N, C-alpha and C. Protein backbone atom coordinates (compact mmCIF):
# COMPACT_ATOMS: atom_id res chain seq x y z
N MET A 1 -29.63 33.60 27.88
CA MET A 1 -29.63 32.36 27.10
C MET A 1 -29.76 31.18 28.05
N ASN A 2 -30.51 30.21 27.64
CA ASN A 2 -30.63 29.05 28.51
C ASN A 2 -29.51 28.04 28.22
N LYS A 3 -29.43 27.03 29.07
CA LYS A 3 -28.33 26.06 28.96
C LYS A 3 -28.40 25.22 27.69
N TRP A 4 -29.57 25.00 27.11
CA TRP A 4 -29.68 24.19 25.88
C TRP A 4 -29.13 24.93 24.68
N LYS A 5 -29.34 26.23 24.63
CA LYS A 5 -28.77 27.03 23.54
C LYS A 5 -27.24 27.03 23.63
N ILE A 6 -26.74 27.18 24.82
CA ILE A 6 -25.28 27.17 25.02
C ILE A 6 -24.71 25.81 24.62
N ALA A 7 -25.36 24.73 25.04
CA ALA A 7 -24.90 23.38 24.69
C ALA A 7 -24.94 23.18 23.17
N PHE A 8 -26.01 23.67 22.52
CA PHE A 8 -26.13 23.54 21.06
C PHE A 8 -24.98 24.27 20.36
N PHE A 9 -24.72 25.50 20.74
CA PHE A 9 -23.65 26.26 20.09
C PHE A 9 -22.28 25.67 20.37
N LEU A 10 -22.07 25.13 21.55
CA LEU A 10 -20.80 24.47 21.85
C LEU A 10 -20.63 23.21 20.99
N LEU A 11 -21.69 22.43 20.86
CA LEU A 11 -21.64 21.23 20.03
C LEU A 11 -21.41 21.59 18.56
N ALA A 12 -22.09 22.61 18.07
CA ALA A 12 -21.91 23.05 16.68
C ALA A 12 -20.47 23.53 16.45
N ALA A 13 -19.92 24.28 17.40
CA ALA A 13 -18.54 24.76 17.28
C ALA A 13 -17.56 23.58 17.30
N LEU A 14 -17.84 22.58 18.12
CA LEU A 14 -16.97 21.40 18.19
C LEU A 14 -16.99 20.63 16.88
N ILE A 15 -18.17 20.47 16.28
CA ILE A 15 -18.27 19.76 15.00
C ILE A 15 -17.56 20.53 13.90
N VAL A 16 -17.77 21.84 13.83
CA VAL A 16 -17.10 22.66 12.80
C VAL A 16 -15.59 22.61 12.99
N THR A 17 -15.12 22.67 14.21
CA THR A 17 -13.68 22.58 14.48
C THR A 17 -13.13 21.23 14.06
N GLY A 18 -13.87 20.17 14.32
CA GLY A 18 -13.45 18.83 13.91
C GLY A 18 -13.34 18.69 12.41
N VAL A 19 -14.33 19.20 11.69
CA VAL A 19 -14.33 19.14 10.23
C VAL A 19 -13.16 19.95 9.67
N ILE A 20 -12.92 21.14 10.21
CA ILE A 20 -11.80 21.96 9.75
C ILE A 20 -10.47 21.27 10.05
N ALA A 21 -10.34 20.69 11.23
CA ALA A 21 -9.09 19.98 11.58
C ALA A 21 -8.85 18.79 10.65
N LEU A 22 -9.91 18.05 10.33
CA LEU A 22 -9.80 16.92 9.41
C LEU A 22 -9.39 17.39 8.02
N ALA A 23 -10.01 18.47 7.55
CA ALA A 23 -9.67 19.01 6.22
C ALA A 23 -8.22 19.48 6.18
N VAL A 24 -7.74 20.13 7.22
CA VAL A 24 -6.35 20.59 7.27
C VAL A 24 -5.41 19.39 7.31
N TRP A 25 -5.74 18.37 8.09
CA TRP A 25 -4.89 17.17 8.19
C TRP A 25 -4.80 16.45 6.86
N ILE A 26 -5.93 16.33 6.16
CA ILE A 26 -5.95 15.63 4.88
C ILE A 26 -5.22 16.42 3.80
N SER A 27 -5.36 17.74 3.80
CA SER A 27 -4.83 18.54 2.70
C SER A 27 -3.41 19.07 2.93
N ARG A 28 -2.78 18.73 4.04
CA ARG A 28 -1.42 19.24 4.26
C ARG A 28 -0.47 18.63 3.21
N PRO A 29 0.54 19.38 2.82
CA PRO A 29 1.44 18.88 1.77
C PRO A 29 2.19 17.64 2.22
N VAL A 30 2.44 16.78 1.26
CA VAL A 30 3.10 15.51 1.54
C VAL A 30 4.53 15.57 1.00
N PRO A 31 5.52 15.30 1.84
CA PRO A 31 6.89 15.29 1.33
C PRO A 31 7.11 14.05 0.44
N SER A 32 8.00 14.19 -0.49
CA SER A 32 8.33 13.07 -1.37
C SER A 32 9.13 12.03 -0.59
N VAL A 33 8.83 10.77 -0.84
CA VAL A 33 9.52 9.67 -0.17
C VAL A 33 10.47 9.03 -1.18
N ASP A 34 11.74 8.92 -0.81
CA ASP A 34 12.72 8.31 -1.70
C ASP A 34 12.57 6.81 -1.74
N ILE A 35 12.90 6.24 -2.89
CA ILE A 35 12.91 4.79 -3.05
C ILE A 35 14.28 4.29 -2.60
N PRO A 36 14.33 3.38 -1.63
CA PRO A 36 15.63 2.88 -1.19
C PRO A 36 16.26 1.98 -2.25
N SER A 37 17.57 1.89 -2.21
CA SER A 37 18.24 0.98 -3.14
C SER A 37 18.04 -0.45 -2.65
N ALA A 38 18.07 -1.38 -3.58
CA ALA A 38 17.83 -2.79 -3.24
C ALA A 38 18.96 -3.32 -2.37
N GLN A 39 18.60 -4.19 -1.43
CA GLN A 39 19.61 -4.83 -0.59
C GLN A 39 20.41 -5.80 -1.44
N ALA A 40 21.70 -5.77 -1.25
CA ALA A 40 22.56 -6.64 -2.04
C ALA A 40 22.57 -8.05 -1.47
N VAL A 41 22.71 -9.00 -2.36
CA VAL A 41 22.87 -10.40 -1.97
C VAL A 41 24.37 -10.62 -1.82
N GLY A 42 24.75 -11.63 -1.09
CA GLY A 42 26.17 -11.93 -0.93
C GLY A 42 26.87 -12.05 -2.27
N LYS A 43 28.19 -12.22 -2.22
CA LYS A 43 28.97 -12.27 -3.46
C LYS A 43 28.49 -13.36 -4.41
N GLU A 44 28.21 -14.51 -3.88
CA GLU A 44 27.77 -15.60 -4.74
C GLU A 44 26.39 -16.07 -4.32
N ALA A 45 25.57 -16.24 -5.32
CA ALA A 45 24.20 -16.72 -5.06
C ALA A 45 23.75 -17.58 -6.22
N ASP A 46 22.96 -18.56 -5.90
CA ASP A 46 22.36 -19.39 -6.93
C ASP A 46 21.02 -18.76 -7.31
N HIS A 47 20.73 -18.78 -8.61
CA HIS A 47 19.52 -18.14 -9.12
C HIS A 47 18.51 -19.21 -9.54
N LEU A 48 17.29 -19.01 -9.13
CA LEU A 48 16.21 -19.91 -9.48
C LEU A 48 15.06 -19.06 -10.01
N THR A 49 14.63 -19.31 -11.25
CA THR A 49 13.53 -18.56 -11.83
C THR A 49 12.24 -19.35 -11.64
N VAL A 50 11.24 -18.67 -11.11
CA VAL A 50 9.96 -19.29 -10.80
C VAL A 50 8.88 -18.59 -11.62
N THR A 51 8.03 -19.37 -12.26
CA THR A 51 6.88 -18.83 -12.97
C THR A 51 5.67 -18.94 -12.06
N ALA A 52 4.92 -17.86 -11.97
CA ALA A 52 3.76 -17.84 -11.08
C ALA A 52 2.55 -17.32 -11.85
N THR A 53 1.39 -17.59 -11.29
CA THR A 53 0.14 -17.05 -11.84
C THR A 53 -0.29 -15.87 -10.97
N LYS A 54 -1.31 -15.16 -11.44
CA LYS A 54 -1.85 -14.04 -10.66
C LYS A 54 -2.35 -14.54 -9.30
N GLU A 55 -2.99 -15.70 -9.31
CA GLU A 55 -3.53 -16.28 -8.07
C GLU A 55 -2.40 -16.63 -7.09
N ASP A 56 -1.30 -17.18 -7.61
CA ASP A 56 -0.15 -17.50 -6.75
C ASP A 56 0.43 -16.24 -6.13
N LEU A 57 0.65 -15.23 -6.96
CA LEU A 57 1.24 -13.98 -6.48
C LEU A 57 0.32 -13.29 -5.47
N GLN A 58 -0.97 -13.33 -5.71
CA GLN A 58 -1.93 -12.74 -4.78
C GLN A 58 -1.88 -13.45 -3.43
N GLY A 59 -1.84 -14.78 -3.44
CA GLY A 59 -1.77 -15.54 -2.19
C GLY A 59 -0.50 -15.25 -1.41
N ILE A 60 0.63 -15.21 -2.10
CA ILE A 60 1.91 -14.93 -1.44
C ILE A 60 1.91 -13.53 -0.86
N ALA A 61 1.47 -12.55 -1.65
CA ALA A 61 1.46 -11.16 -1.19
C ALA A 61 0.57 -10.99 0.03
N ASN A 62 -0.63 -11.56 0.01
CA ASN A 62 -1.53 -11.41 1.15
C ASN A 62 -1.03 -12.13 2.40
N THR A 63 -0.31 -13.23 2.22
CA THR A 63 0.28 -13.92 3.37
C THR A 63 1.31 -13.03 4.05
N TYR A 64 2.20 -12.42 3.26
CA TYR A 64 3.23 -11.54 3.83
C TYR A 64 2.62 -10.28 4.42
N ILE A 65 1.59 -9.72 3.79
CA ILE A 65 0.93 -8.52 4.33
C ILE A 65 0.27 -8.85 5.66
N ALA A 66 -0.43 -9.99 5.73
CA ALA A 66 -1.11 -10.38 6.97
C ALA A 66 -0.10 -10.61 8.10
N GLN A 67 1.04 -11.23 7.79
CA GLN A 67 2.07 -11.45 8.80
C GLN A 67 2.62 -10.12 9.30
N ALA A 68 2.84 -9.18 8.39
CA ALA A 68 3.44 -7.91 8.76
C ALA A 68 2.47 -7.01 9.52
N ILE A 69 1.21 -6.99 9.12
CA ILE A 69 0.23 -6.12 9.77
C ILE A 69 -0.22 -6.71 11.09
N GLY A 70 -0.32 -8.02 11.17
CA GLY A 70 -0.70 -8.69 12.42
C GLY A 70 -2.11 -8.34 12.83
N SER A 71 -2.25 -7.82 14.04
CA SER A 71 -3.58 -7.57 14.60
C SER A 71 -4.09 -6.17 14.32
N ASN A 72 -3.50 -5.47 13.35
CA ASN A 72 -3.98 -4.14 13.00
C ASN A 72 -5.46 -4.23 12.65
N ARG A 73 -6.24 -3.29 13.11
CA ARG A 73 -7.68 -3.36 12.95
C ARG A 73 -8.14 -3.04 11.53
N ILE A 74 -7.27 -2.49 10.69
CA ILE A 74 -7.67 -2.14 9.33
C ILE A 74 -7.16 -3.20 8.37
N PRO A 75 -8.07 -3.90 7.71
CA PRO A 75 -7.63 -4.95 6.79
C PRO A 75 -7.08 -4.35 5.49
N VAL A 76 -6.05 -4.98 4.99
CA VAL A 76 -5.47 -4.60 3.71
C VAL A 76 -5.29 -5.88 2.91
N ASP A 77 -5.90 -5.93 1.73
CA ASP A 77 -5.78 -7.09 0.86
C ASP A 77 -5.31 -6.65 -0.50
N LEU A 78 -4.50 -7.48 -1.11
CA LEU A 78 -4.04 -7.25 -2.47
C LEU A 78 -4.79 -8.21 -3.37
N VAL A 79 -5.43 -7.70 -4.40
CA VAL A 79 -6.16 -8.50 -5.36
C VAL A 79 -5.51 -8.28 -6.72
N ILE A 80 -5.16 -9.37 -7.39
CA ILE A 80 -4.49 -9.24 -8.68
C ILE A 80 -5.44 -9.74 -9.77
N GLU A 81 -5.83 -8.83 -10.63
CA GLU A 81 -6.69 -9.14 -11.77
C GLU A 81 -5.94 -8.69 -13.02
N ASP A 82 -6.56 -7.82 -13.84
CA ASP A 82 -5.84 -7.25 -14.97
C ASP A 82 -5.00 -6.07 -14.53
N ASP A 83 -5.19 -5.64 -13.31
CA ASP A 83 -4.33 -4.68 -12.65
C ASP A 83 -4.24 -5.11 -11.18
N VAL A 84 -3.47 -4.38 -10.39
CA VAL A 84 -3.31 -4.72 -8.98
C VAL A 84 -4.25 -3.83 -8.18
N LEU A 85 -5.06 -4.44 -7.34
CA LEU A 85 -5.99 -3.70 -6.50
C LEU A 85 -5.55 -3.83 -5.05
N LEU A 86 -5.53 -2.71 -4.36
CA LEU A 86 -5.29 -2.71 -2.92
C LEU A 86 -6.62 -2.35 -2.29
N VAL A 87 -7.18 -3.28 -1.53
CA VAL A 87 -8.52 -3.12 -0.95
C VAL A 87 -8.37 -2.92 0.55
N SER A 88 -9.00 -1.87 1.07
CA SER A 88 -8.91 -1.57 2.49
C SER A 88 -10.18 -0.83 2.91
N GLU A 89 -10.14 -0.26 4.11
CA GLU A 89 -11.24 0.53 4.63
C GLU A 89 -10.69 1.76 5.32
N LEU A 90 -11.43 2.84 5.24
CA LEU A 90 -11.11 4.05 6.00
C LEU A 90 -12.30 4.35 6.90
N THR A 91 -12.02 4.78 8.12
CA THR A 91 -13.09 5.16 9.03
C THR A 91 -13.15 6.68 9.08
N VAL A 92 -14.29 7.23 8.67
CA VAL A 92 -14.50 8.67 8.70
C VAL A 92 -15.78 8.93 9.47
N PHE A 93 -15.66 9.63 10.58
CA PHE A 93 -16.80 9.93 11.45
C PHE A 93 -17.57 8.66 11.80
N ALA A 94 -16.87 7.64 12.20
CA ALA A 94 -17.42 6.35 12.63
C ALA A 94 -18.14 5.60 11.51
N VAL A 95 -17.87 5.96 10.27
CA VAL A 95 -18.45 5.27 9.12
C VAL A 95 -17.33 4.58 8.37
N GLN A 96 -17.49 3.28 8.11
CA GLN A 96 -16.50 2.51 7.36
C GLN A 96 -16.71 2.73 5.87
N LEU A 97 -15.69 3.26 5.20
CA LEU A 97 -15.76 3.46 3.76
C LEU A 97 -14.84 2.46 3.07
N PRO A 98 -15.37 1.68 2.12
CA PRO A 98 -14.50 0.77 1.39
C PRO A 98 -13.59 1.57 0.45
N VAL A 99 -12.33 1.15 0.38
CA VAL A 99 -11.35 1.82 -0.47
C VAL A 99 -10.77 0.78 -1.42
N ILE A 100 -10.82 1.07 -2.71
CA ILE A 100 -10.22 0.20 -3.71
C ILE A 100 -9.31 1.06 -4.56
N MET A 101 -8.03 0.75 -4.54
CA MET A 101 -7.05 1.48 -5.33
C MET A 101 -6.55 0.58 -6.45
N HIS A 102 -6.54 1.10 -7.66
CA HIS A 102 -6.09 0.36 -8.84
C HIS A 102 -4.67 0.81 -9.20
N PHE A 103 -3.79 -0.17 -9.42
CA PHE A 103 -2.40 0.12 -9.75
C PHE A 103 -1.97 -0.66 -10.99
N ASP A 104 -1.04 -0.07 -11.74
CA ASP A 104 -0.35 -0.77 -12.82
C ASP A 104 1.03 -1.14 -12.30
N PRO A 105 1.40 -2.44 -12.34
CA PRO A 105 2.72 -2.84 -11.85
C PRO A 105 3.81 -2.56 -12.88
N GLU A 106 4.96 -2.17 -12.37
CA GLU A 106 6.12 -1.92 -13.22
C GLU A 106 7.33 -2.57 -12.54
N VAL A 107 8.04 -3.43 -13.27
CA VAL A 107 9.24 -4.06 -12.72
C VAL A 107 10.41 -3.10 -12.90
N MET A 108 11.09 -2.82 -11.80
CA MET A 108 12.24 -1.91 -11.85
C MET A 108 13.51 -2.70 -12.20
N GLU A 109 14.56 -1.98 -12.55
CA GLU A 109 15.82 -2.63 -12.95
C GLU A 109 16.41 -3.49 -11.84
N ASP A 110 16.21 -3.08 -10.59
CA ASP A 110 16.77 -3.83 -9.47
C ASP A 110 15.90 -5.00 -9.03
N GLY A 111 14.78 -5.25 -9.74
CA GLY A 111 13.92 -6.39 -9.43
C GLY A 111 12.81 -6.10 -8.45
N ASN A 112 12.67 -4.86 -8.01
CA ASN A 112 11.57 -4.47 -7.14
C ASN A 112 10.37 -4.06 -7.98
N LEU A 113 9.23 -3.91 -7.33
CA LEU A 113 8.00 -3.54 -8.04
C LEU A 113 7.57 -2.13 -7.68
N LEU A 114 7.15 -1.40 -8.69
CA LEU A 114 6.59 -0.08 -8.49
C LEU A 114 5.16 -0.14 -8.99
N LEU A 115 4.21 0.11 -8.07
CA LEU A 115 2.80 0.11 -8.43
C LEU A 115 2.35 1.54 -8.63
N LYS A 116 2.02 1.89 -9.87
CA LYS A 116 1.60 3.25 -10.20
C LYS A 116 0.07 3.31 -10.15
N GLN A 117 -0.43 4.21 -9.31
CA GLN A 117 -1.87 4.30 -9.11
C GLN A 117 -2.54 4.90 -10.35
N LYS A 118 -3.60 4.22 -10.79
CA LYS A 118 -4.32 4.74 -11.95
C LYS A 118 -5.72 5.22 -11.59
N SER A 119 -6.31 4.70 -10.51
CA SER A 119 -7.61 5.20 -10.06
C SER A 119 -7.86 4.75 -8.63
N VAL A 120 -8.87 5.37 -8.02
CA VAL A 120 -9.23 5.04 -6.65
C VAL A 120 -10.74 5.16 -6.48
N GLU A 121 -11.30 4.29 -5.66
CA GLU A 121 -12.72 4.33 -5.33
C GLU A 121 -12.84 4.35 -3.81
N VAL A 122 -13.46 5.40 -3.27
CA VAL A 122 -13.70 5.50 -1.83
C VAL A 122 -15.20 5.70 -1.63
N GLY A 123 -15.91 4.59 -1.53
CA GLY A 123 -17.37 4.67 -1.43
C GLY A 123 -17.89 5.45 -2.62
N ASN A 124 -18.72 6.45 -2.36
CA ASN A 124 -19.23 7.33 -3.42
C ASN A 124 -18.52 8.67 -3.44
N LEU A 125 -17.44 8.80 -2.68
CA LEU A 125 -16.73 10.07 -2.59
C LEU A 125 -15.76 10.23 -3.75
N ASN A 126 -15.51 11.47 -4.11
CA ASN A 126 -14.54 11.79 -5.15
C ASN A 126 -13.32 12.41 -4.46
N ILE A 127 -12.34 11.57 -4.12
CA ILE A 127 -11.15 12.00 -3.39
C ILE A 127 -9.94 11.77 -4.29
N PRO A 128 -9.01 12.73 -4.34
CA PRO A 128 -7.81 12.55 -5.18
C PRO A 128 -7.00 11.34 -4.72
N PRO A 129 -6.41 10.60 -5.67
CA PRO A 129 -5.61 9.42 -5.31
C PRO A 129 -4.47 9.73 -4.34
N SER A 130 -3.82 10.87 -4.49
CA SER A 130 -2.71 11.19 -3.58
C SER A 130 -3.19 11.33 -2.14
N THR A 131 -4.40 11.86 -1.96
CA THR A 131 -4.96 12.02 -0.61
C THR A 131 -5.28 10.66 0.00
N VAL A 132 -5.83 9.76 -0.81
CA VAL A 132 -6.15 8.42 -0.30
C VAL A 132 -4.87 7.68 0.07
N LEU A 133 -3.83 7.78 -0.76
CA LEU A 133 -2.55 7.15 -0.43
C LEU A 133 -1.96 7.73 0.85
N LYS A 134 -2.08 9.05 1.02
CA LYS A 134 -1.57 9.70 2.23
C LYS A 134 -2.32 9.18 3.46
N LEU A 135 -3.65 9.10 3.35
CA LEU A 135 -4.44 8.57 4.47
C LEU A 135 -4.07 7.12 4.76
N LEU A 136 -3.87 6.33 3.71
CA LEU A 136 -3.48 4.93 3.90
C LEU A 136 -2.14 4.85 4.63
N GLY A 137 -1.17 5.64 4.19
CA GLY A 137 0.14 5.63 4.83
C GLY A 137 0.10 6.11 6.27
N ASP A 138 -0.81 7.06 6.56
CA ASP A 138 -0.91 7.61 7.92
C ASP A 138 -1.70 6.71 8.87
N THR A 139 -2.67 5.96 8.34
CA THR A 139 -3.56 5.22 9.24
C THR A 139 -3.26 3.72 9.32
N VAL A 140 -2.62 3.17 8.31
CA VAL A 140 -2.34 1.73 8.30
C VAL A 140 -0.85 1.52 8.53
N ASP A 141 -0.53 0.65 9.46
CA ASP A 141 0.87 0.33 9.74
C ASP A 141 1.33 -0.72 8.73
N LEU A 142 1.71 -0.26 7.55
CA LEU A 142 2.13 -1.16 6.49
C LEU A 142 3.51 -1.73 6.79
N PRO A 143 3.82 -2.90 6.23
CA PRO A 143 5.16 -3.46 6.45
C PRO A 143 6.24 -2.56 5.86
N GLY A 144 7.46 -2.67 6.37
CA GLY A 144 8.57 -1.84 5.93
C GLY A 144 8.92 -2.01 4.47
N TRP A 145 8.53 -3.11 3.87
CA TRP A 145 8.86 -3.34 2.47
C TRP A 145 7.79 -2.78 1.52
N MET A 146 6.74 -2.17 2.09
CA MET A 146 5.73 -1.46 1.29
C MET A 146 5.85 0.02 1.61
N ILE A 147 6.27 0.81 0.63
CA ILE A 147 6.49 2.23 0.86
C ILE A 147 5.46 3.02 0.06
N VAL A 148 4.65 3.80 0.79
CA VAL A 148 3.63 4.62 0.16
C VAL A 148 4.28 5.94 -0.26
N ARG A 149 4.07 6.31 -1.52
CA ARG A 149 4.60 7.56 -2.07
C ARG A 149 3.41 8.38 -2.60
N PRO A 150 2.69 9.09 -1.69
CA PRO A 150 1.47 9.79 -2.09
C PRO A 150 1.70 10.86 -3.15
N LYS A 151 2.77 11.63 -3.01
CA LYS A 151 3.02 12.72 -3.95
C LYS A 151 3.18 12.19 -5.38
N GLU A 152 3.82 11.03 -5.51
CA GLU A 152 4.05 10.43 -6.82
C GLU A 152 2.92 9.50 -7.23
N GLU A 153 1.95 9.29 -6.33
CA GLU A 153 0.82 8.38 -6.54
C GLU A 153 1.32 6.98 -6.87
N GLU A 154 2.23 6.48 -6.01
CA GLU A 154 2.85 5.18 -6.21
C GLU A 154 2.92 4.41 -4.90
N LEU A 155 3.03 3.11 -5.05
CA LEU A 155 3.30 2.22 -3.93
C LEU A 155 4.50 1.39 -4.33
N PHE A 156 5.58 1.48 -3.57
CA PHE A 156 6.82 0.79 -3.88
C PHE A 156 6.88 -0.51 -3.07
N ILE A 157 7.06 -1.62 -3.75
CA ILE A 157 7.18 -2.93 -3.10
C ILE A 157 8.65 -3.33 -3.17
N ASP A 158 9.33 -3.27 -2.03
CA ASP A 158 10.75 -3.57 -1.96
C ASP A 158 10.94 -5.07 -1.73
N LEU A 159 10.97 -5.83 -2.81
CA LEU A 159 11.10 -7.28 -2.71
C LEU A 159 12.42 -7.70 -2.07
N SER A 160 13.46 -6.85 -2.16
CA SER A 160 14.76 -7.20 -1.57
C SER A 160 14.70 -7.21 -0.05
N ARG A 161 13.70 -6.56 0.54
CA ARG A 161 13.54 -6.54 2.00
C ARG A 161 12.41 -7.44 2.49
N LEU A 162 11.88 -8.25 1.60
CA LEU A 162 10.84 -9.19 1.98
C LEU A 162 11.44 -10.20 2.97
N PRO A 163 10.79 -10.44 4.11
CA PRO A 163 11.38 -11.30 5.14
C PRO A 163 11.29 -12.79 4.79
N VAL A 164 12.20 -13.24 3.93
CA VAL A 164 12.26 -14.64 3.55
C VAL A 164 13.37 -15.29 4.36
N SER A 165 13.12 -16.48 4.90
CA SER A 165 14.10 -17.13 5.77
C SER A 165 15.35 -17.55 4.99
N GLY A 166 16.45 -17.70 5.69
CA GLY A 166 17.69 -18.17 5.10
C GLY A 166 18.39 -17.12 4.26
N ASN A 167 18.08 -15.82 4.47
CA ASN A 167 18.70 -14.74 3.73
C ASN A 167 18.45 -14.84 2.22
N VAL A 168 17.37 -15.52 1.85
CA VAL A 168 16.99 -15.66 0.46
C VAL A 168 16.38 -14.34 0.00
N LYS A 169 16.68 -13.92 -1.20
CA LYS A 169 16.15 -12.68 -1.76
C LYS A 169 15.27 -13.00 -2.96
N VAL A 170 14.30 -12.13 -3.19
CA VAL A 170 13.36 -12.30 -4.29
C VAL A 170 13.46 -11.08 -5.20
N LYS A 171 13.44 -11.33 -6.50
CA LYS A 171 13.41 -10.25 -7.49
C LYS A 171 12.31 -10.55 -8.50
N ALA A 172 11.67 -9.52 -8.98
CA ALA A 172 10.70 -9.69 -10.06
C ALA A 172 11.44 -9.55 -11.38
N LYS A 173 11.17 -10.45 -12.28
CA LYS A 173 11.77 -10.37 -13.61
C LYS A 173 10.76 -9.89 -14.64
N LYS A 174 9.51 -10.34 -14.49
CA LYS A 174 8.49 -10.01 -15.47
C LYS A 174 7.12 -10.07 -14.80
N VAL A 175 6.30 -9.06 -15.03
CA VAL A 175 4.93 -9.07 -14.52
C VAL A 175 4.03 -8.60 -15.67
N ASP A 176 3.42 -9.57 -16.33
CA ASP A 176 2.49 -9.32 -17.43
C ASP A 176 1.14 -9.87 -17.01
N LEU A 177 0.33 -9.03 -16.38
CA LEU A 177 -0.93 -9.49 -15.82
C LEU A 177 -1.95 -9.84 -16.90
N ALA A 178 -1.91 -9.15 -18.01
CA ALA A 178 -2.87 -9.41 -19.08
C ALA A 178 -2.75 -10.84 -19.60
N ASN A 179 -1.52 -11.36 -19.64
CA ASN A 179 -1.28 -12.72 -20.13
C ASN A 179 -1.01 -13.72 -19.01
N ASP A 180 -1.21 -13.29 -17.75
CA ASP A 180 -0.98 -14.14 -16.57
C ASP A 180 0.42 -14.75 -16.61
N ASP A 181 1.41 -13.91 -16.92
CA ASP A 181 2.81 -14.34 -17.04
C ASP A 181 3.65 -13.56 -16.04
N ILE A 182 4.00 -14.23 -14.95
CA ILE A 182 4.77 -13.60 -13.88
C ILE A 182 6.01 -14.45 -13.63
N GLU A 183 7.17 -13.81 -13.66
CA GLU A 183 8.43 -14.50 -13.39
C GLU A 183 9.12 -13.84 -12.22
N LEU A 184 9.50 -14.66 -11.25
CA LEU A 184 10.25 -14.19 -10.10
C LEU A 184 11.59 -14.91 -10.08
N GLU A 185 12.60 -14.21 -9.60
CA GLU A 185 13.92 -14.83 -9.46
C GLU A 185 14.23 -14.94 -7.97
N ILE A 186 14.56 -16.15 -7.57
CA ILE A 186 14.91 -16.43 -6.17
C ILE A 186 16.44 -16.52 -6.10
N LEU A 187 17.04 -15.71 -5.22
CA LEU A 187 18.49 -15.69 -5.06
C LEU A 187 18.84 -16.35 -3.73
N ILE A 188 19.53 -17.47 -3.81
CA ILE A 188 19.91 -18.22 -2.61
C ILE A 188 21.39 -18.06 -2.41
N PRO A 189 21.81 -17.39 -1.34
CA PRO A 189 23.25 -17.16 -1.13
C PRO A 189 23.98 -18.46 -0.84
N ARG A 190 25.18 -18.56 -1.39
CA ARG A 190 26.03 -19.73 -1.11
C ARG A 190 26.73 -19.52 0.22
N LYS A 191 26.97 -20.62 0.88
CA LYS A 191 27.66 -20.54 2.19
C LYS A 191 29.14 -20.62 2.01
């Protein structure tokens, strides 16, 4: 055999091994991630209810995400329309694939948000939503207050751990995107 045949078979074996390794990494089982309990506010706090629009909430969310991610090379944007969209990119074999995940927001009893995934778009690929969430959690250094739960196909937004100055806490009271009716409660601890 000449050296070109050997090089060809080595390259083919390397590509097949890479594809198999990627498939095994993507398809490995994902453990369930627990939702942490909300951080408590001090004994006494003043409550302020704020009404916001989808545009306001989108701007605030993207500001906090940008601060938390910093110089991470993978952009993550939150777009709020009639549902919540998480827009990002995945790099597969040096090809940038746009990723758009659609979520329905749900306000939890403790004032945090649970985003339940309803669909996902990854270029023209047909990839299960849990796999895309797993890849997002593995490849993007999301802030600590955003918890990816691939097995449950959810994204948990822990508003109680949002880094607001002065030990101020934020709770969601109502999120009705269809009517552009969003209410947040700001808890300011008394000194």
